[in-house]
């Protein structure tokens, strides 16, 4: 069984610049208000489709509000076969503080 790793925003940025996948598990309103560009909002409704269609060998970063909930989600995704899974420490909140210019809104 694979395990996830916790990473800081700088490491996440480097992975994203090299085509890592990114999922955001926050609620729809928070995601629409602002998210990391390229993020897919993931919840129970689209989880099965995401898992079926995602490249499980590519790096996958999981983002939440503050980096707590993403650890459980990253552990789950690693346990079902994602080979290189990461939890974003500090979540979207720390990303927004670190990279205010790298925020998308719907």
N, C-alpha and C. Protein backbone atom coordinates (compact mmCIF):
# COMPACT_ATOMS: atom_id res chain seq x y z
N UNK A 1 0.84 -1.18 0.00
CA UNK A 1 0.00 0.00 0.00
C UNK A 1 0.88 1.24 0.00
N UNK A 2 0.50 2.19 -0.81
CA UNK A 2 1.22 3.46 -0.91
C UNK A 2 0.82 4.37 0.25
N UNK A 3 1.64 5.36 0.53
CA UNK A 3 1.37 6.31 1.58
C UNK A 3 1.45 7.70 0.99
N UNK A 4 0.84 8.68 1.64
CA UNK A 4 0.91 10.05 1.16
C UNK A 4 2.02 10.80 1.90
N UNK A 5 2.42 11.94 1.32
CA UNK A 5 3.39 12.81 1.95
C UNK A 5 2.78 14.20 2.10
N UNK A 6 3.19 14.90 3.14
CA UNK A 6 2.77 16.28 3.33
C UNK A 6 3.80 17.19 2.67
N UNK A 7 3.31 18.19 1.92
CA UNK A 7 4.22 19.11 1.23
C UNK A 7 3.78 20.55 1.45
N UNK A 8 4.74 21.45 1.36
CA UNK A 8 4.48 22.88 1.52
C UNK A 8 4.07 23.47 0.17
N UNK A 9 3.56 24.71 0.16
CA UNK A 9 3.12 25.32 -1.09
C UNK A 9 4.22 25.44 -2.15
N UNK A 10 5.47 25.67 -1.74
CA UNK A 10 6.55 25.79 -2.72
C UNK A 10 6.77 24.47 -3.46
N UNK A 11 6.79 23.38 -2.73
CA UNK A 11 6.95 22.06 -3.35
C UNK A 11 5.74 21.74 -4.22
N UNK A 12 4.55 22.08 -3.74
CA UNK A 12 3.34 21.86 -4.53
C UNK A 12 3.40 22.66 -5.83
N UNK A 13 3.85 23.89 -5.76
CA UNK A 13 3.97 24.72 -6.95
C UNK A 13 4.90 24.09 -7.98
N UNK A 14 6.01 23.57 -7.51
CA UNK A 14 6.96 22.90 -8.41
C UNK A 14 6.33 21.68 -9.06
N UNK A 15 5.61 20.89 -8.28
CA UNK A 15 4.93 19.71 -8.83
C UNK A 15 3.87 20.11 -9.85
N UNK A 16 3.11 21.16 -9.53
CA UNK A 16 2.08 21.62 -10.46
C UNK A 16 2.69 22.15 -11.76
N UNK A 17 3.83 22.79 -11.66
CA UNK A 17 4.52 23.26 -12.86
C UNK A 17 5.00 22.10 -13.72
N UNK A 18 5.06 20.91 -13.13
CA UNK A 18 5.49 19.71 -13.86
C UNK A 18 4.33 18.73 -14.05
N UNK A 19 3.12 19.28 -14.18
CA UNK A 19 1.92 18.52 -14.56
C UNK A 19 1.36 17.58 -13.51
N UNK A 20 1.54 17.90 -12.24
CA UNK A 20 0.86 17.13 -11.20
C UNK A 20 -0.64 17.40 -11.28
N UNK A 21 -1.42 16.45 -10.82
CA UNK A 21 -2.86 16.62 -10.72
C UNK A 21 -3.16 17.27 -9.37
N UNK A 22 -4.27 18.02 -9.32
CA UNK A 22 -4.64 18.71 -8.09
C UNK A 22 -6.14 18.56 -7.86
N UNK A 23 -6.50 18.09 -6.67
CA UNK A 23 -7.91 18.05 -6.29
C UNK A 23 -8.11 18.91 -5.05
N UNK A 24 -9.27 19.54 -5.00
CA UNK A 24 -9.64 20.44 -3.91
C UNK A 24 -10.91 19.87 -3.29
N UNK A 25 -10.88 19.57 -1.99
CA UNK A 25 -12.02 18.92 -1.35
C UNK A 25 -12.87 19.90 -0.53
N UNK A 26 -12.67 21.19 -0.73
CA UNK A 26 -13.50 22.17 -0.02
C UNK A 26 -14.91 22.21 -0.60
N UNK A 27 -15.82 22.90 0.07
CA UNK A 27 -17.20 22.99 -0.38
C UNK A 27 -17.29 23.82 -1.67
N UNK A 28 -18.38 23.65 -2.43
CA UNK A 28 -18.51 24.32 -3.74
C UNK A 28 -18.40 25.85 -3.66
N UNK A 29 -18.98 26.46 -2.65
CA UNK A 29 -18.95 27.92 -2.55
C UNK A 29 -17.52 28.42 -2.33
N UNK A 30 -16.78 27.77 -1.45
CA UNK A 30 -15.39 28.17 -1.21
C UNK A 30 -14.55 27.98 -2.46
N UNK A 31 -14.76 26.86 -3.16
CA UNK A 31 -14.02 26.59 -4.39
C UNK A 31 -14.32 27.66 -5.44
N UNK A 32 -15.61 28.00 -5.60
CA UNK A 32 -15.99 29.01 -6.59
C UNK A 32 -15.43 30.38 -6.25
N UNK A 33 -15.32 30.68 -4.96
CA UNK A 33 -14.78 31.97 -4.52
C UNK A 33 -13.30 32.09 -4.86
N UNK A 34 -12.57 30.99 -4.79
CA UNK A 34 -11.15 31.00 -5.14
C UNK A 34 -10.54 29.63 -4.97
N UNK A 35 -9.69 29.25 -5.94
CA UNK A 35 -9.01 27.96 -5.88
C UNK A 35 -7.70 28.05 -6.66
N UNK A 36 -6.88 27.04 -6.49
CA UNK A 36 -5.61 26.97 -7.21
C UNK A 36 -5.92 26.63 -8.66
N UNK A 37 -5.34 27.37 -9.62
CA UNK A 37 -5.63 27.09 -11.03
C UNK A 37 -5.36 25.62 -11.38
N UNK A 38 -6.29 25.05 -12.13
CA UNK A 38 -6.17 23.66 -12.55
C UNK A 38 -6.77 22.65 -11.59
N UNK A 39 -7.23 23.11 -10.44
CA UNK A 39 -7.80 22.20 -9.44
C UNK A 39 -9.13 21.64 -9.90
N UNK A 40 -9.36 20.39 -9.55
CA UNK A 40 -10.64 19.73 -9.74
C UNK A 40 -11.29 19.65 -8.37
N UNK A 41 -12.51 20.16 -8.25
CA UNK A 41 -13.22 20.04 -6.97
C UNK A 41 -13.71 18.61 -6.84
N UNK A 42 -13.31 17.97 -5.76
CA UNK A 42 -13.61 16.56 -5.55
C UNK A 42 -14.52 16.39 -4.34
N UNK A 43 -15.60 15.63 -4.53
CA UNK A 43 -16.47 15.29 -3.41
C UNK A 43 -17.02 13.89 -3.65
N UNK A 44 -17.89 13.44 -2.78
CA UNK A 44 -18.42 12.08 -2.89
C UNK A 44 -19.19 11.86 -4.19
N UNK A 45 -19.76 12.93 -4.75
CA UNK A 45 -20.56 12.80 -5.97
C UNK A 45 -19.71 12.50 -7.20
N UNK A 46 -18.48 13.00 -7.26
CA UNK A 46 -17.66 12.78 -8.46
C UNK A 46 -16.41 11.94 -8.18
N UNK A 47 -16.28 11.41 -6.99
CA UNK A 47 -15.10 10.63 -6.62
C UNK A 47 -14.90 9.42 -7.53
N UNK A 48 -15.95 8.63 -7.75
CA UNK A 48 -15.82 7.42 -8.56
C UNK A 48 -15.38 7.75 -9.99
N UNK A 49 -15.96 8.80 -10.57
CA UNK A 49 -15.56 9.21 -11.92
C UNK A 49 -14.11 9.68 -11.94
N UNK A 50 -13.73 10.45 -10.93
CA UNK A 50 -12.34 10.93 -10.88
C UNK A 50 -11.37 9.76 -10.82
N UNK A 51 -11.63 8.81 -9.93
CA UNK A 51 -10.74 7.67 -9.76
C UNK A 51 -10.67 6.86 -11.05
N UNK A 52 -11.80 6.68 -11.71
CA UNK A 52 -11.84 5.89 -12.94
C UNK A 52 -11.06 6.54 -14.08
N UNK A 53 -11.02 7.87 -14.10
CA UNK A 53 -10.43 8.58 -15.23
C UNK A 53 -9.06 9.20 -14.96
N UNK A 54 -8.63 9.24 -13.73
CA UNK A 54 -7.36 9.88 -13.38
C UNK A 54 -6.17 8.98 -13.70
N UNK A 55 -5.05 9.61 -13.95
CA UNK A 55 -3.80 8.88 -14.12
C UNK A 55 -3.26 8.59 -12.73
N UNK A 56 -3.39 7.36 -12.28
CA UNK A 56 -3.00 7.02 -10.92
C UNK A 56 -1.50 6.94 -10.73
N UNK A 57 -0.73 7.03 -11.81
CA UNK A 57 0.72 7.03 -11.71
C UNK A 57 1.29 8.45 -11.64
N UNK A 58 0.48 9.45 -11.99
CA UNK A 58 0.94 10.85 -11.96
C UNK A 58 0.83 11.39 -10.53
N UNK A 59 1.68 12.34 -10.17
CA UNK A 59 1.57 12.95 -8.84
C UNK A 59 0.19 13.57 -8.63
N UNK A 60 -0.34 13.42 -7.43
CA UNK A 60 -1.66 13.95 -7.08
C UNK A 60 -1.54 14.73 -5.77
N UNK A 61 -1.96 15.99 -5.81
CA UNK A 61 -1.95 16.85 -4.63
C UNK A 61 -3.39 17.05 -4.18
N UNK A 62 -3.63 16.90 -2.88
CA UNK A 62 -4.96 17.11 -2.30
C UNK A 62 -4.91 18.38 -1.46
N UNK A 63 -5.89 19.26 -1.70
CA UNK A 63 -5.97 20.55 -1.01
C UNK A 63 -7.30 20.65 -0.29
N UNK A 64 -7.27 21.23 0.91
CA UNK A 64 -8.49 21.53 1.66
C UNK A 64 -8.36 22.96 2.18
N UNK A 65 -9.03 23.30 3.27
CA UNK A 65 -8.97 24.65 3.82
C UNK A 65 -7.62 24.96 4.46
N UNK A 66 -7.20 24.10 5.41
CA UNK A 66 -6.01 24.38 6.21
C UNK A 66 -5.00 23.24 6.24
N UNK A 67 -5.23 22.18 5.50
CA UNK A 67 -4.28 21.08 5.43
C UNK A 67 -4.56 19.93 6.37
N UNK A 68 -5.73 19.92 7.01
CA UNK A 68 -6.07 18.82 7.92
C UNK A 68 -6.90 17.74 7.22
N UNK A 69 -8.03 18.13 6.65
CA UNK A 69 -8.91 17.17 5.97
C UNK A 69 -8.22 16.53 4.77
N UNK A 70 -7.33 17.27 4.14
CA UNK A 70 -6.65 16.74 2.95
C UNK A 70 -5.77 15.53 3.29
N UNK A 71 -5.33 15.44 4.54
CA UNK A 71 -4.50 14.30 4.92
C UNK A 71 -5.30 12.99 4.86
N UNK A 72 -6.52 13.02 5.35
CA UNK A 72 -7.37 11.83 5.28
C UNK A 72 -7.72 11.47 3.85
N UNK A 73 -8.03 12.48 3.04
CA UNK A 73 -8.36 12.23 1.64
C UNK A 73 -7.14 11.70 0.89
N UNK A 74 -5.97 12.26 1.16
CA UNK A 74 -4.74 11.80 0.50
C UNK A 74 -4.43 10.36 0.90
N UNK A 75 -4.61 10.05 2.18
CA UNK A 75 -4.37 8.67 2.64
C UNK A 75 -5.31 7.70 1.94
N UNK A 76 -6.58 8.10 1.80
CA UNK A 76 -7.54 7.23 1.11
C UNK A 76 -7.14 7.03 -0.35
N UNK A 77 -6.83 8.13 -1.06
CA UNK A 77 -6.46 8.02 -2.47
C UNK A 77 -5.19 7.19 -2.65
N UNK A 78 -4.26 7.34 -1.75
CA UNK A 78 -3.05 6.50 -1.81
C UNK A 78 -3.40 5.03 -1.59
N UNK A 79 -4.33 4.77 -0.69
CA UNK A 79 -4.69 3.38 -0.38
C UNK A 79 -5.42 2.68 -1.51
N UNK A 80 -6.04 3.45 -2.41
CA UNK A 80 -6.77 2.82 -3.52
C UNK A 80 -5.95 2.80 -4.81
N UNK A 81 -4.67 3.20 -4.72
CA UNK A 81 -3.81 2.99 -5.87
C UNK A 81 -3.10 4.18 -6.45
N UNK A 82 -3.34 5.38 -5.95
CA UNK A 82 -2.59 6.52 -6.46
C UNK A 82 -1.15 6.41 -5.94
N UNK A 83 -0.22 6.36 -6.86
CA UNK A 83 1.16 6.01 -6.53
C UNK A 83 1.94 7.12 -5.82
N UNK A 84 1.64 8.37 -6.13
CA UNK A 84 2.41 9.50 -5.59
C UNK A 84 1.41 10.56 -5.12
N UNK A 85 1.02 10.48 -3.86
CA UNK A 85 -0.07 11.31 -3.34
C UNK A 85 0.47 12.24 -2.25
N UNK A 86 0.00 13.50 -2.31
CA UNK A 86 0.48 14.53 -1.39
C UNK A 86 -0.69 15.27 -0.77
N UNK A 87 -0.51 15.73 0.45
CA UNK A 87 -1.44 16.62 1.13
C UNK A 87 -0.77 17.98 1.25
N UNK A 88 -1.47 19.03 0.84
CA UNK A 88 -0.92 20.38 0.88
C UNK A 88 -0.98 20.93 2.29
N UNK A 89 0.16 21.04 2.95
CA UNK A 89 0.22 21.63 4.30
C UNK A 89 -0.27 23.07 4.25
N UNK A 90 -1.08 23.43 5.21
CA UNK A 90 -1.62 24.79 5.27
C UNK A 90 -2.80 25.00 4.34
N UNK A 91 -3.07 24.03 3.48
CA UNK A 91 -4.23 24.08 2.60
C UNK A 91 -4.29 25.31 1.71
N UNK A 92 -5.50 25.58 1.25
CA UNK A 92 -5.72 26.73 0.38
C UNK A 92 -5.36 28.03 1.09
N UNK A 93 -5.59 28.08 2.40
CA UNK A 93 -5.31 29.29 3.16
C UNK A 93 -3.83 29.69 3.06
N UNK A 94 -2.92 28.74 3.26
CA UNK A 94 -1.49 29.04 3.15
C UNK A 94 -1.09 29.28 1.70
N UNK A 95 -1.69 28.54 0.76
CA UNK A 95 -1.40 28.78 -0.66
C UNK A 95 -1.74 30.23 -1.02
N UNK A 96 -2.93 30.69 -0.59
CA UNK A 96 -3.38 32.07 -0.90
C UNK A 96 -2.41 33.09 -0.31
N UNK A 97 -1.88 32.84 0.87
CA UNK A 97 -0.92 33.76 1.48
C UNK A 97 0.41 33.73 0.74
N UNK A 98 0.81 32.56 0.27
CA UNK A 98 2.10 32.39 -0.39
C UNK A 98 2.07 32.84 -1.84
N UNK A 99 0.98 32.52 -2.54
CA UNK A 99 0.85 32.82 -3.97
C UNK A 99 -0.46 33.56 -4.27
N UNK A 100 -0.63 34.79 -3.77
CA UNK A 100 -1.90 35.49 -4.01
C UNK A 100 -2.19 35.72 -5.49
N UNK A 101 -1.15 35.72 -6.29
CA UNK A 101 -1.33 35.92 -7.73
C UNK A 101 -1.75 34.64 -8.45
N UNK A 102 -1.71 33.52 -7.77
CA UNK A 102 -2.05 32.23 -8.38
C UNK A 102 -3.34 31.68 -7.80
N UNK A 103 -4.41 32.46 -7.98
CA UNK A 103 -5.74 32.08 -7.50
C UNK A 103 -6.72 32.27 -8.67
N UNK A 104 -7.57 31.29 -8.88
CA UNK A 104 -8.64 31.39 -9.87
C UNK A 104 -9.97 31.47 -9.16
N UNK A 105 -10.92 32.13 -9.77
CA UNK A 105 -12.28 32.20 -9.24
C UNK A 105 -13.25 31.93 -10.38
N UNK A 106 -14.37 31.35 -10.03
CA UNK A 106 -15.40 31.04 -11.03
C UNK A 106 -16.32 32.22 -11.16
